[in-house]
N, C-alpha and C. Protein backbone atom coordinates (compact mmCIF):
# COMPACT_ATOMS: atom_id res chain seq x y z
N MET A 1 249.20 14.17 296.28
CA MET A 1 248.14 13.52 297.07
C MET A 1 248.47 13.66 298.55
N ARG A 2 247.65 14.35 299.27
CA ARG A 2 247.89 14.53 300.70
C ARG A 2 247.37 13.31 301.45
N ILE A 3 248.23 12.71 302.27
CA ILE A 3 247.86 11.53 303.05
C ILE A 3 247.37 11.97 304.42
N THR A 4 248.15 12.80 305.09
CA THR A 4 247.76 13.43 306.35
C THR A 4 248.15 14.90 306.24
N ASP A 5 247.93 15.64 307.31
CA ASP A 5 248.33 17.05 307.28
C ASP A 5 249.83 17.21 307.06
N ASP A 6 250.61 16.17 307.40
CA ASP A 6 252.06 16.29 307.42
C ASP A 6 252.78 15.43 306.37
N VAL A 7 252.04 14.60 305.66
CA VAL A 7 252.64 13.67 304.70
C VAL A 7 251.96 13.83 303.35
N TYR A 8 252.77 14.00 302.32
CA TYR A 8 252.27 14.26 300.97
C TYR A 8 252.98 13.32 300.00
N MET A 9 252.21 12.55 299.20
CA MET A 9 252.77 11.72 298.15
C MET A 9 252.87 12.55 296.87
N LEU A 10 254.06 12.66 296.32
CA LEU A 10 254.22 13.47 295.12
C LEU A 10 253.48 12.83 293.94
N ASP A 11 252.73 13.64 293.22
CA ASP A 11 251.97 13.14 292.08
C ASP A 11 252.86 12.84 290.88
N CYS A 12 254.06 13.41 290.86
CA CYS A 12 254.92 13.34 289.67
C CYS A 12 255.79 12.09 289.63
N THR A 13 255.68 11.22 290.63
CA THR A 13 256.55 10.04 290.67
C THR A 13 255.72 8.75 290.76
N PRO A 14 254.81 8.51 289.81
CA PRO A 14 253.92 7.35 289.93
C PRO A 14 254.63 6.01 289.79
N ALA A 15 255.76 5.95 289.11
CA ALA A 15 256.44 4.67 288.91
C ALA A 15 257.08 4.16 290.20
N SER A 16 257.51 5.08 291.05
CA SER A 16 258.09 4.73 292.35
C SER A 16 257.93 5.97 293.22
N HIS A 17 257.01 5.89 294.16
CA HIS A 17 256.55 7.10 294.85
C HIS A 17 257.62 7.71 295.75
N ALA A 18 257.70 9.02 295.70
CA ALA A 18 258.46 9.82 296.66
C ALA A 18 257.46 10.57 297.53
N TYR A 19 257.86 10.84 298.77
CA TYR A 19 256.96 11.47 299.74
C TYR A 19 257.63 12.67 300.39
N LEU A 20 256.84 13.68 300.66
CA LEU A 20 257.28 14.84 301.44
C LEU A 20 256.75 14.72 302.86
N LEU A 21 257.63 14.96 303.83
CA LEU A 21 257.25 15.01 305.23
C LEU A 21 257.38 16.45 305.68
N LEU A 22 256.28 17.03 306.14
CA LEU A 22 256.24 18.45 306.47
C LEU A 22 256.29 18.62 307.98
N GLY A 23 257.22 19.43 308.42
CA GLY A 23 257.38 19.69 309.85
C GLY A 23 258.40 20.77 310.04
N PRO A 24 258.97 20.87 311.24
CA PRO A 24 260.03 21.87 311.47
C PRO A 24 261.17 21.71 310.47
N GLU A 25 261.46 20.45 310.07
CA GLU A 25 262.44 20.18 309.03
C GLU A 25 261.75 19.39 307.93
N THR A 26 261.57 20.01 306.77
CA THR A 26 260.92 19.32 305.66
C THR A 26 261.87 18.25 305.11
N MET A 27 261.31 17.06 304.82
CA MET A 27 262.12 15.94 304.36
C MET A 27 261.48 15.31 303.14
N LEU A 28 262.33 14.75 302.28
CA LEU A 28 261.90 13.99 301.11
C LEU A 28 262.30 12.55 301.32
N VAL A 29 261.34 11.64 301.13
CA VAL A 29 261.61 10.21 301.24
C VAL A 29 261.70 9.62 299.84
N ASP A 30 262.89 9.16 299.48
CA ASP A 30 263.21 8.59 298.17
C ASP A 30 263.08 9.62 297.06
N THR A 31 263.68 9.30 295.91
CA THR A 31 263.79 10.31 294.84
C THR A 31 263.38 9.77 293.48
N SER A 32 262.77 8.58 293.46
CA SER A 32 262.23 7.97 292.25
C SER A 32 263.32 7.70 291.21
N MET A 33 262.92 7.66 289.95
CA MET A 33 263.80 7.25 288.86
C MET A 33 264.81 8.34 288.50
N PRO A 34 265.93 7.97 287.86
CA PRO A 34 266.80 9.00 287.29
C PRO A 34 266.01 9.88 286.33
N GLY A 35 266.31 11.16 286.34
CA GLY A 35 265.59 12.10 285.47
C GLY A 35 264.31 12.65 286.05
N SER A 36 264.02 12.31 287.30
CA SER A 36 262.78 12.79 287.93
C SER A 36 262.94 14.11 288.66
N ALA A 37 264.17 14.58 288.82
CA ALA A 37 264.41 15.74 289.68
C ALA A 37 263.65 16.97 289.21
N HIS A 38 263.62 17.23 287.90
CA HIS A 38 262.95 18.45 287.43
C HIS A 38 261.46 18.40 287.73
N LYS A 39 260.85 17.21 287.65
CA LYS A 39 259.42 17.09 287.98
C LYS A 39 259.19 17.27 289.47
N ILE A 40 260.08 16.71 290.26
CA ILE A 40 259.95 16.85 291.71
C ILE A 40 260.09 18.31 292.13
N LEU A 41 261.06 19.00 291.55
CA LEU A 41 261.26 20.42 291.87
C LEU A 41 260.06 21.26 291.42
N ALA A 42 259.50 20.90 290.26
CA ALA A 42 258.31 21.63 289.79
C ALA A 42 257.13 21.41 290.74
N GLU A 43 257.00 20.20 291.27
CA GLU A 43 255.90 19.96 292.21
C GLU A 43 256.15 20.68 293.53
N PHE A 44 257.41 20.76 293.96
CA PHE A 44 257.70 21.60 295.12
C PHE A 44 257.17 23.01 294.89
N GLY A 45 257.43 23.55 293.69
CA GLY A 45 256.97 24.89 293.37
C GLY A 45 255.47 25.01 293.43
N ALA A 46 254.76 24.00 292.89
CA ALA A 46 253.30 24.02 292.91
C ALA A 46 252.76 23.98 294.34
N LEU A 47 253.51 23.34 295.23
CA LEU A 47 253.11 23.26 296.63
C LEU A 47 253.61 24.45 297.45
N LYS A 48 254.30 25.39 296.76
CA LYS A 48 254.86 26.57 297.39
C LYS A 48 255.90 26.20 298.46
N ILE A 49 256.68 25.19 298.15
CA ILE A 49 257.78 24.77 299.01
C ILE A 49 259.08 25.08 298.30
N SER A 50 259.90 25.90 298.89
CA SER A 50 261.20 26.20 298.31
C SER A 50 262.08 24.96 298.36
N PRO A 51 262.83 24.67 297.28
CA PRO A 51 263.76 23.54 297.35
C PRO A 51 264.69 23.62 298.55
N ARG A 52 265.09 24.84 298.92
CA ARG A 52 266.02 25.00 300.03
C ARG A 52 265.37 24.75 301.39
N ALA A 53 264.03 24.61 301.40
CA ALA A 53 263.34 24.25 302.64
C ALA A 53 263.49 22.77 302.96
N VAL A 54 263.86 21.97 301.96
CA VAL A 54 264.02 20.53 302.17
C VAL A 54 265.38 20.30 302.82
N ARG A 55 265.37 19.84 304.07
CA ARG A 55 266.60 19.73 304.85
C ARG A 55 267.23 18.34 304.77
N HIS A 56 266.41 17.33 304.52
CA HIS A 56 266.91 15.95 304.52
C HIS A 56 266.26 15.16 303.38
N ILE A 57 267.04 14.28 302.76
CA ILE A 57 266.54 13.30 301.80
C ILE A 57 266.85 11.93 302.38
N LEU A 58 265.79 11.16 302.64
CA LEU A 58 265.92 9.88 303.32
C LEU A 58 265.69 8.76 302.31
N LEU A 59 266.68 7.90 302.12
CA LEU A 59 266.58 6.81 301.15
C LEU A 59 266.23 5.52 301.88
N THR A 60 265.22 4.81 301.36
CA THR A 60 264.82 3.56 302.01
C THR A 60 265.73 2.40 301.62
N HIS A 61 266.31 2.44 300.40
CA HIS A 61 267.20 1.36 299.98
C HIS A 61 267.89 1.73 298.68
N HIS A 62 268.70 0.81 298.16
CA HIS A 62 269.65 1.16 297.10
C HIS A 62 269.11 1.05 295.67
N ASP A 63 267.87 0.62 295.47
CA ASP A 63 267.36 0.43 294.11
C ASP A 63 267.36 1.74 293.32
N GLY A 64 267.61 1.63 292.02
CA GLY A 64 267.74 2.81 291.18
C GLY A 64 266.50 3.65 291.10
N ASP A 65 265.31 3.04 291.29
CA ASP A 65 264.08 3.83 291.24
C ASP A 65 263.78 4.51 292.57
N HIS A 66 264.71 4.43 293.50
CA HIS A 66 264.59 5.14 294.77
C HIS A 66 265.71 6.16 294.95
N ILE A 67 266.90 5.83 294.48
CA ILE A 67 268.03 6.76 294.59
C ILE A 67 268.28 7.52 293.30
N GLY A 68 267.43 7.30 292.30
CA GLY A 68 267.72 7.76 290.95
C GLY A 68 268.01 9.23 290.79
N SER A 69 267.30 10.09 291.52
CA SER A 69 267.47 11.53 291.36
C SER A 69 268.08 12.19 292.59
N ALA A 70 268.66 11.37 293.47
CA ALA A 70 269.16 11.90 294.74
C ALA A 70 270.30 12.89 294.55
N ALA A 71 271.20 12.61 293.62
CA ALA A 71 272.37 13.49 293.46
C ALA A 71 271.95 14.87 292.96
N VAL A 72 271.05 14.92 291.98
CA VAL A 72 270.58 16.21 291.47
C VAL A 72 269.83 16.96 292.56
N LEU A 73 268.97 16.26 293.28
CA LEU A 73 268.20 16.93 294.33
C LEU A 73 269.08 17.37 295.49
N GLU A 74 270.15 16.64 295.75
CA GLU A 74 271.12 17.09 296.75
C GLU A 74 271.68 18.45 296.36
N ARG A 75 272.06 18.60 295.09
CA ARG A 75 272.62 19.88 294.62
C ARG A 75 271.59 20.99 294.66
N GLU A 76 270.37 20.69 294.25
CA GLU A 76 269.35 21.74 294.12
C GLU A 76 268.77 22.18 295.46
N THR A 77 268.77 21.27 296.44
CA THR A 77 268.16 21.60 297.73
C THR A 77 269.19 21.93 298.80
N GLY A 78 270.39 21.38 298.67
CA GLY A 78 271.37 21.50 299.74
C GLY A 78 271.08 20.57 300.90
N ALA A 79 270.13 19.63 300.71
CA ALA A 79 269.72 18.72 301.78
C ALA A 79 270.81 17.70 302.09
N THR A 80 270.79 17.19 303.30
CA THR A 80 271.61 16.05 303.68
C THR A 80 270.94 14.79 303.17
N VAL A 81 271.70 13.93 302.49
CA VAL A 81 271.15 12.68 301.94
C VAL A 81 271.62 11.53 302.82
N TRP A 82 270.65 10.73 303.29
CA TRP A 82 270.91 9.65 304.23
C TRP A 82 270.59 8.31 303.59
N ALA A 83 271.37 7.29 303.94
CA ALA A 83 271.10 5.91 303.54
C ALA A 83 271.62 4.99 304.63
N SER A 84 271.21 3.73 304.57
CA SER A 84 271.65 2.78 305.59
C SER A 84 273.07 2.30 305.33
N ALA A 85 273.75 1.93 306.39
CA ALA A 85 275.08 1.37 306.25
C ALA A 85 275.05 0.08 305.45
N GLY A 86 273.97 -0.71 305.61
CA GLY A 86 273.87 -1.98 304.91
C GLY A 86 273.75 -1.85 303.41
N ASP A 87 273.16 -0.75 302.94
CA ASP A 87 273.00 -0.56 301.49
C ASP A 87 274.04 0.37 300.90
N MET A 88 274.81 1.03 301.74
CA MET A 88 275.79 1.99 301.23
C MET A 88 276.77 1.38 300.21
N PRO A 89 277.30 0.16 300.42
CA PRO A 89 278.24 -0.39 299.42
C PRO A 89 277.60 -0.58 298.05
N PHE A 90 276.30 -0.85 298.01
CA PHE A 90 275.62 -1.05 296.74
C PHE A 90 275.36 0.29 296.05
N ILE A 91 275.04 1.30 296.84
CA ILE A 91 274.82 2.63 296.28
C ILE A 91 276.13 3.17 295.69
N ARG A 92 277.20 3.00 296.41
CA ARG A 92 278.50 3.52 295.97
C ARG A 92 279.15 2.66 294.89
N GLY A 93 278.60 1.48 294.64
CA GLY A 93 279.19 0.60 293.63
C GLY A 93 280.37 -0.21 294.14
N ASP A 94 280.58 -0.25 295.44
CA ASP A 94 281.67 -1.03 296.00
C ASP A 94 281.37 -2.53 295.97
N ARG A 95 280.08 -2.87 295.94
CA ARG A 95 279.67 -4.26 295.83
C ARG A 95 278.63 -4.38 294.73
N PRO A 96 278.63 -5.48 293.95
CA PRO A 96 277.60 -5.66 292.92
C PRO A 96 276.25 -5.93 293.57
N ARG A 97 275.22 -5.43 292.96
CA ARG A 97 273.88 -5.68 293.48
C ARG A 97 273.52 -7.15 293.28
N PRO A 98 272.81 -7.76 294.22
CA PRO A 98 272.54 -9.19 294.14
C PRO A 98 271.43 -9.54 293.15
N GLY A 99 271.48 -10.78 292.64
CA GLY A 99 270.40 -11.33 291.83
C GLY A 99 270.15 -10.57 290.54
N ILE A 100 268.87 -10.49 290.18
CA ILE A 100 268.45 -9.85 288.94
C ILE A 100 268.79 -8.36 288.93
N LYS A 101 268.99 -7.79 290.10
CA LYS A 101 269.28 -6.35 290.18
C LYS A 101 270.66 -6.02 289.61
N ARG A 102 271.52 -7.04 289.49
CA ARG A 102 272.81 -6.80 288.85
C ARG A 102 272.61 -6.40 287.39
N LEU A 103 271.63 -7.04 286.73
CA LEU A 103 271.30 -6.68 285.35
C LEU A 103 270.72 -5.27 285.30
N ALA A 104 269.84 -4.95 286.25
CA ALA A 104 269.24 -3.62 286.29
C ALA A 104 270.31 -2.55 286.44
N SER A 105 271.37 -2.87 287.18
CA SER A 105 272.45 -1.90 287.38
C SER A 105 273.15 -1.55 286.07
N ALA A 106 273.19 -2.52 285.15
CA ALA A 106 273.82 -2.26 283.86
C ALA A 106 272.97 -1.33 283.01
N LEU A 107 271.66 -1.31 283.26
CA LEU A 107 270.75 -0.51 282.46
C LEU A 107 270.48 0.86 283.09
N MET A 108 270.58 0.94 284.41
CA MET A 108 270.26 2.17 285.12
C MET A 108 271.41 2.49 286.06
N ARG A 109 272.13 3.56 285.79
CA ARG A 109 273.30 3.93 286.60
C ARG A 109 273.08 5.32 287.20
N PRO A 110 272.36 5.39 288.31
CA PRO A 110 272.11 6.71 288.92
C PRO A 110 273.41 7.36 289.38
N GLU A 111 273.44 8.68 289.28
CA GLU A 111 274.56 9.43 289.84
C GLU A 111 274.53 9.29 291.36
N ILE A 112 275.69 9.13 291.95
CA ILE A 112 275.78 8.93 293.40
C ILE A 112 275.88 10.29 294.09
N PRO A 113 275.04 10.56 295.08
CA PRO A 113 275.16 11.83 295.83
C PRO A 113 276.53 11.91 296.50
N PRO A 114 277.32 12.92 296.21
CA PRO A 114 278.69 12.95 296.74
C PRO A 114 278.78 13.06 298.25
N ALA A 115 277.79 13.67 298.88
CA ALA A 115 277.86 13.86 300.34
C ALA A 115 277.00 12.87 301.11
N LEU A 116 276.64 11.76 300.47
CA LEU A 116 275.80 10.74 301.09
C LEU A 116 276.40 10.25 302.40
N ILE A 117 275.56 10.17 303.46
CA ILE A 117 276.05 9.70 304.75
C ILE A 117 275.09 8.65 305.31
N THR A 118 275.59 7.87 306.27
CA THR A 118 274.78 6.81 306.86
C THR A 118 273.89 7.36 307.98
N TYR A 119 272.76 6.69 308.18
CA TYR A 119 271.83 7.10 309.23
C TYR A 119 272.53 7.11 310.60
N PRO A 120 272.09 8.00 311.49
CA PRO A 120 272.73 8.09 312.81
C PRO A 120 272.59 6.79 313.60
N ALA A 121 273.47 6.63 314.57
CA ALA A 121 273.47 5.42 315.39
C ALA A 121 272.17 5.25 316.17
N ASP A 122 271.51 6.36 316.51
CA ASP A 122 270.25 6.26 317.25
C ASP A 122 269.05 6.06 316.35
N ASN A 123 269.28 5.93 315.03
CA ASN A 123 268.21 5.67 314.06
C ASN A 123 267.10 6.71 314.12
N ARG A 124 267.50 7.97 314.24
CA ARG A 124 266.53 9.05 314.20
C ARG A 124 267.10 10.20 313.36
N VAL A 125 266.23 10.75 312.52
CA VAL A 125 266.54 11.99 311.81
C VAL A 125 265.39 12.94 312.11
N GLY A 126 265.63 13.91 312.97
CA GLY A 126 264.54 14.76 313.42
C GLY A 126 263.46 13.92 314.08
N GLU A 127 262.22 14.08 313.62
CA GLU A 127 261.10 13.32 314.18
C GLU A 127 260.95 11.93 313.57
N VAL A 128 261.75 11.60 312.58
CA VAL A 128 261.59 10.34 311.86
C VAL A 128 262.39 9.24 312.55
N GLU A 129 261.72 8.12 312.81
CA GLU A 129 262.39 6.93 313.32
C GLU A 129 262.76 6.05 312.13
N VAL A 130 264.03 5.68 312.05
CA VAL A 130 264.54 4.83 310.98
C VAL A 130 264.53 3.39 311.49
N ILE A 131 263.80 2.52 310.80
CA ILE A 131 263.60 1.15 311.26
C ILE A 131 264.29 0.18 310.30
N PRO A 132 265.36 -0.47 310.71
CA PRO A 132 265.99 -1.46 309.83
C PRO A 132 265.03 -2.60 309.50
N THR A 133 264.80 -2.81 308.22
CA THR A 133 263.87 -3.85 307.75
C THR A 133 264.50 -4.60 306.58
N PRO A 134 265.60 -5.33 306.82
CA PRO A 134 266.28 -6.01 305.72
C PRO A 134 265.40 -7.08 305.09
N GLY A 135 265.74 -7.40 303.87
CA GLY A 135 265.02 -8.44 303.14
C GLY A 135 264.91 -8.10 301.68
N HIS A 136 264.19 -7.03 301.37
CA HIS A 136 264.13 -6.60 299.97
C HIS A 136 265.54 -6.28 299.48
N THR A 137 266.30 -5.58 300.28
CA THR A 137 267.75 -5.39 300.10
C THR A 137 268.39 -5.61 301.47
N PRO A 138 269.71 -5.80 301.51
CA PRO A 138 270.36 -6.05 302.81
C PRO A 138 270.18 -4.92 303.81
N GLY A 139 270.13 -3.67 303.33
CA GLY A 139 270.03 -2.54 304.25
C GLY A 139 268.74 -1.77 304.16
N HIS A 140 267.68 -2.40 303.66
CA HIS A 140 266.40 -1.72 303.53
C HIS A 140 265.94 -1.17 304.89
N VAL A 141 265.35 0.04 304.86
CA VAL A 141 264.75 0.61 306.07
C VAL A 141 263.35 1.10 305.76
N CYS A 142 262.50 1.08 306.77
CA CYS A 142 261.23 1.81 306.76
C CYS A 142 261.39 3.04 307.65
N LEU A 143 260.49 3.99 307.46
CA LEU A 143 260.56 5.25 308.21
C LEU A 143 259.21 5.51 308.86
N LEU A 144 259.23 5.83 310.14
CA LEU A 144 258.00 6.08 310.89
C LEU A 144 257.93 7.55 311.25
N PHE A 145 256.83 8.20 310.85
CA PHE A 145 256.68 9.64 311.06
C PHE A 145 255.22 9.95 311.38
N ARG A 146 254.97 10.34 312.60
CA ARG A 146 253.64 10.82 313.02
C ARG A 146 252.52 9.86 312.62
N GLY A 147 252.71 8.58 312.92
CA GLY A 147 251.66 7.60 312.65
C GLY A 147 251.59 7.10 311.22
N VAL A 148 252.58 7.46 310.41
CA VAL A 148 252.64 7.03 309.01
C VAL A 148 253.90 6.20 308.82
N LEU A 149 253.75 5.00 308.22
CA LEU A 149 254.89 4.16 307.90
C LEU A 149 255.23 4.35 306.43
N LEU A 150 256.41 4.92 306.17
CA LEU A 150 256.94 5.01 304.82
C LEU A 150 257.66 3.69 304.58
N ALA A 151 257.04 2.80 303.78
CA ALA A 151 257.41 1.39 303.77
C ALA A 151 258.42 1.02 302.70
N GLY A 152 258.80 1.96 301.83
CA GLY A 152 259.73 1.61 300.77
C GLY A 152 259.21 0.43 299.97
N ASP A 153 260.05 -0.60 299.81
CA ASP A 153 259.65 -1.81 299.09
C ASP A 153 259.51 -3.01 300.02
N LEU A 154 259.39 -2.78 301.33
CA LEU A 154 259.11 -3.90 302.22
C LEU A 154 257.79 -4.54 301.84
N VAL A 155 256.82 -3.69 301.50
CA VAL A 155 255.52 -4.16 301.02
C VAL A 155 255.13 -3.33 299.79
N ALA A 156 254.15 -3.84 299.07
CA ALA A 156 253.52 -3.09 297.99
C ALA A 156 252.01 -3.12 298.23
N VAL A 157 251.28 -2.25 297.55
CA VAL A 157 249.83 -2.24 297.67
C VAL A 157 249.24 -2.47 296.28
N ARG A 158 248.42 -3.50 296.18
CA ARG A 158 247.74 -3.82 294.92
C ARG A 158 246.25 -3.93 295.18
N ASN A 159 245.46 -3.16 294.42
CA ASN A 159 244.01 -3.17 294.58
C ASN A 159 243.60 -2.92 296.04
N GLY A 160 244.33 -2.02 296.67
CA GLY A 160 243.99 -1.64 298.03
C GLY A 160 244.44 -2.61 299.10
N ARG A 161 245.16 -3.65 298.72
CA ARG A 161 245.60 -4.66 299.67
C ARG A 161 247.12 -4.65 299.82
N ILE A 162 247.58 -4.76 301.06
CA ILE A 162 249.01 -4.79 301.34
C ILE A 162 249.54 -6.19 301.05
N ARG A 163 250.67 -6.24 300.33
CA ARG A 163 251.31 -7.51 300.00
C ARG A 163 252.81 -7.41 300.29
N PRO A 164 253.45 -8.51 300.70
CA PRO A 164 254.90 -8.46 300.88
C PRO A 164 255.63 -8.16 299.57
N SER A 165 256.85 -7.70 299.69
CA SER A 165 257.70 -7.44 298.54
C SER A 165 257.71 -8.64 297.60
N PRO A 166 257.57 -8.44 296.28
CA PRO A 166 257.54 -9.57 295.34
C PRO A 166 258.86 -10.35 295.36
N PRO A 167 258.81 -11.66 295.40
CA PRO A 167 260.04 -12.47 295.51
C PRO A 167 261.04 -12.24 294.39
N LEU A 168 260.58 -11.99 293.16
CA LEU A 168 261.51 -11.87 292.04
C LEU A 168 262.53 -10.77 292.26
N MET A 169 262.11 -9.67 292.87
CA MET A 169 262.99 -8.52 293.06
C MET A 169 263.53 -8.41 294.48
N THR A 170 263.44 -9.50 295.23
CA THR A 170 263.78 -9.47 296.65
C THR A 170 265.03 -10.28 296.93
N TRP A 171 265.90 -9.74 297.76
CA TRP A 171 267.16 -10.37 298.11
C TRP A 171 266.94 -11.60 298.99
N ASP A 172 266.09 -11.49 300.03
CA ASP A 172 265.88 -12.58 300.98
C ASP A 172 264.44 -12.52 301.47
N MET A 173 263.59 -13.41 300.94
CA MET A 173 262.16 -13.35 301.25
C MET A 173 261.89 -13.71 302.72
N ALA A 174 262.68 -14.62 303.29
CA ALA A 174 262.49 -14.96 304.70
C ALA A 174 262.74 -13.75 305.59
N LEU A 175 263.75 -12.95 305.23
CA LEU A 175 264.02 -11.73 306.00
C LEU A 175 262.92 -10.69 305.81
N VAL A 176 262.34 -10.62 304.60
CA VAL A 176 261.20 -9.72 304.39
C VAL A 176 260.10 -10.04 305.38
N MET A 177 259.75 -11.31 305.50
CA MET A 177 258.66 -11.70 306.40
C MET A 177 259.04 -11.43 307.85
N GLU A 178 260.30 -11.64 308.20
CA GLU A 178 260.76 -11.33 309.55
C GLU A 178 260.64 -9.83 309.82
N SER A 179 260.99 -9.00 308.83
CA SER A 179 260.89 -7.55 308.99
C SER A 179 259.44 -7.10 309.10
N ILE A 180 258.57 -7.72 308.33
CA ILE A 180 257.14 -7.39 308.43
C ILE A 180 256.63 -7.68 309.85
N ARG A 181 257.02 -8.81 310.40
CA ARG A 181 256.61 -9.14 311.77
C ARG A 181 257.23 -8.18 312.78
N LYS A 182 258.45 -7.75 312.54
CA LYS A 182 259.12 -6.80 313.44
C LYS A 182 258.38 -5.47 313.49
N VAL A 183 257.87 -5.04 312.36
CA VAL A 183 257.21 -3.74 312.26
C VAL A 183 255.80 -3.77 312.87
N ALA A 184 255.19 -4.95 312.93
CA ALA A 184 253.78 -5.06 313.33
C ALA A 184 253.43 -4.36 314.63
N PRO A 185 254.26 -4.40 315.69
CA PRO A 185 253.86 -3.75 316.94
C PRO A 185 253.93 -2.22 316.92
N LEU A 186 254.51 -1.65 315.89
CA LEU A 186 254.71 -0.20 315.88
C LEU A 186 253.38 0.54 315.67
N PRO A 187 253.28 1.76 316.21
CA PRO A 187 252.01 2.51 316.13
C PRO A 187 251.89 3.33 314.85
N PHE A 188 251.29 2.77 313.81
CA PHE A 188 251.06 3.53 312.58
C PHE A 188 249.66 3.23 312.06
N LYS A 189 249.04 4.26 311.49
CA LYS A 189 247.69 4.14 310.93
C LYS A 189 247.70 4.07 309.41
N TRP A 190 248.75 4.61 308.80
CA TRP A 190 248.85 4.64 307.35
C TRP A 190 250.08 3.88 306.89
N VAL A 191 249.95 3.20 305.75
CA VAL A 191 251.07 2.54 305.09
C VAL A 191 251.27 3.22 303.74
N CYS A 192 252.46 3.79 303.54
CA CYS A 192 252.78 4.50 302.31
C CYS A 192 253.88 3.73 301.58
N PRO A 193 253.52 2.95 300.55
CA PRO A 193 254.51 2.16 299.84
C PRO A 193 255.12 2.93 298.68
N ALA A 194 256.19 2.39 298.13
CA ALA A 194 256.75 2.97 296.91
C ALA A 194 255.93 2.58 295.69
N HIS A 195 255.28 1.43 295.78
CA HIS A 195 254.52 0.91 294.63
C HIS A 195 253.10 0.60 295.08
N GLY A 196 252.14 1.29 294.47
CA GLY A 196 250.76 1.22 294.91
C GLY A 196 250.41 2.42 295.76
N LEU A 197 249.13 2.65 295.96
CA LEU A 197 248.67 3.84 296.67
C LEU A 197 248.65 3.62 298.18
N PRO A 198 248.87 4.67 298.95
CA PRO A 198 248.80 4.55 300.41
C PRO A 198 247.43 4.03 300.86
N VAL A 199 247.46 3.26 301.95
CA VAL A 199 246.22 2.71 302.51
C VAL A 199 246.27 2.84 304.03
N GLN A 200 245.09 2.87 304.63
CA GLN A 200 245.02 2.80 306.08
C GLN A 200 245.32 1.36 306.50
N ARG A 201 246.00 1.26 307.61
CA ARG A 201 246.47 -0.06 308.06
C ARG A 201 245.33 -1.02 308.37
N GLY A 202 244.36 -0.56 309.16
CA GLY A 202 243.30 -1.46 309.60
C GLY A 202 243.91 -2.71 310.22
N ASP A 203 243.40 -3.90 309.77
CA ASP A 203 243.98 -5.16 310.25
C ASP A 203 244.84 -5.82 309.18
N GLN A 204 245.17 -5.07 308.13
CA GLN A 204 245.88 -5.69 307.02
C GLN A 204 247.29 -6.16 307.39
N TRP A 205 248.01 -5.38 308.20
CA TRP A 205 249.39 -5.75 308.49
C TRP A 205 249.43 -7.09 309.24
N GLU A 206 248.51 -7.28 310.16
CA GLU A 206 248.47 -8.52 310.92
C GLU A 206 248.16 -9.70 310.01
N LYS A 207 247.42 -9.48 308.94
CA LYS A 207 247.06 -10.57 308.03
C LYS A 207 248.24 -11.06 307.20
N ILE A 208 249.24 -10.17 306.98
CA ILE A 208 250.39 -10.60 306.16
C ILE A 208 251.59 -10.97 307.02
N ALA A 209 251.54 -10.62 308.33
CA ALA A 209 252.73 -10.83 309.20
C ALA A 209 252.92 -12.32 309.51
């Protein structure tokens, strides 16, 4: 599903959306569930994008349905895989995941990308601005690219409406709301969540902030 000329939501990852950012350096945002890599690579082929054209894989946070296929895609693309410093201990297994996600970790154990590195100090990867938005997880980030906000799980979209991250799966709901307010002044026209379909911003962000 093409969102803009430069942003494409992969059709093969409906349970937790991954996105392609097209530009001088092609990037993949999140990698969906474990076992999704072959579908993602097949969709690259359908789009006539060589796996080796993907230069960066940007992870919004440590949940298994976002990092699930990162290790396989790292090998197949040769891309640099990025994550936040705040979520790195959870991805590497150095710290147990908080709350109900500790149980999820026992059921879903994604392979860890061996060359995983933290986002640069200037919070930029090429044209993408990395925006720290803690709350859903301690190191959650959103990504801003050419007027599109790749929102990860900061928000979800249900029936065309933007909603904050559901409390049950959220580390700190007060921080989620603080992060939503922090993002509000940024210049974006589209909101691309991991769960639910992308929507135009309109006045929706201000209504939930």
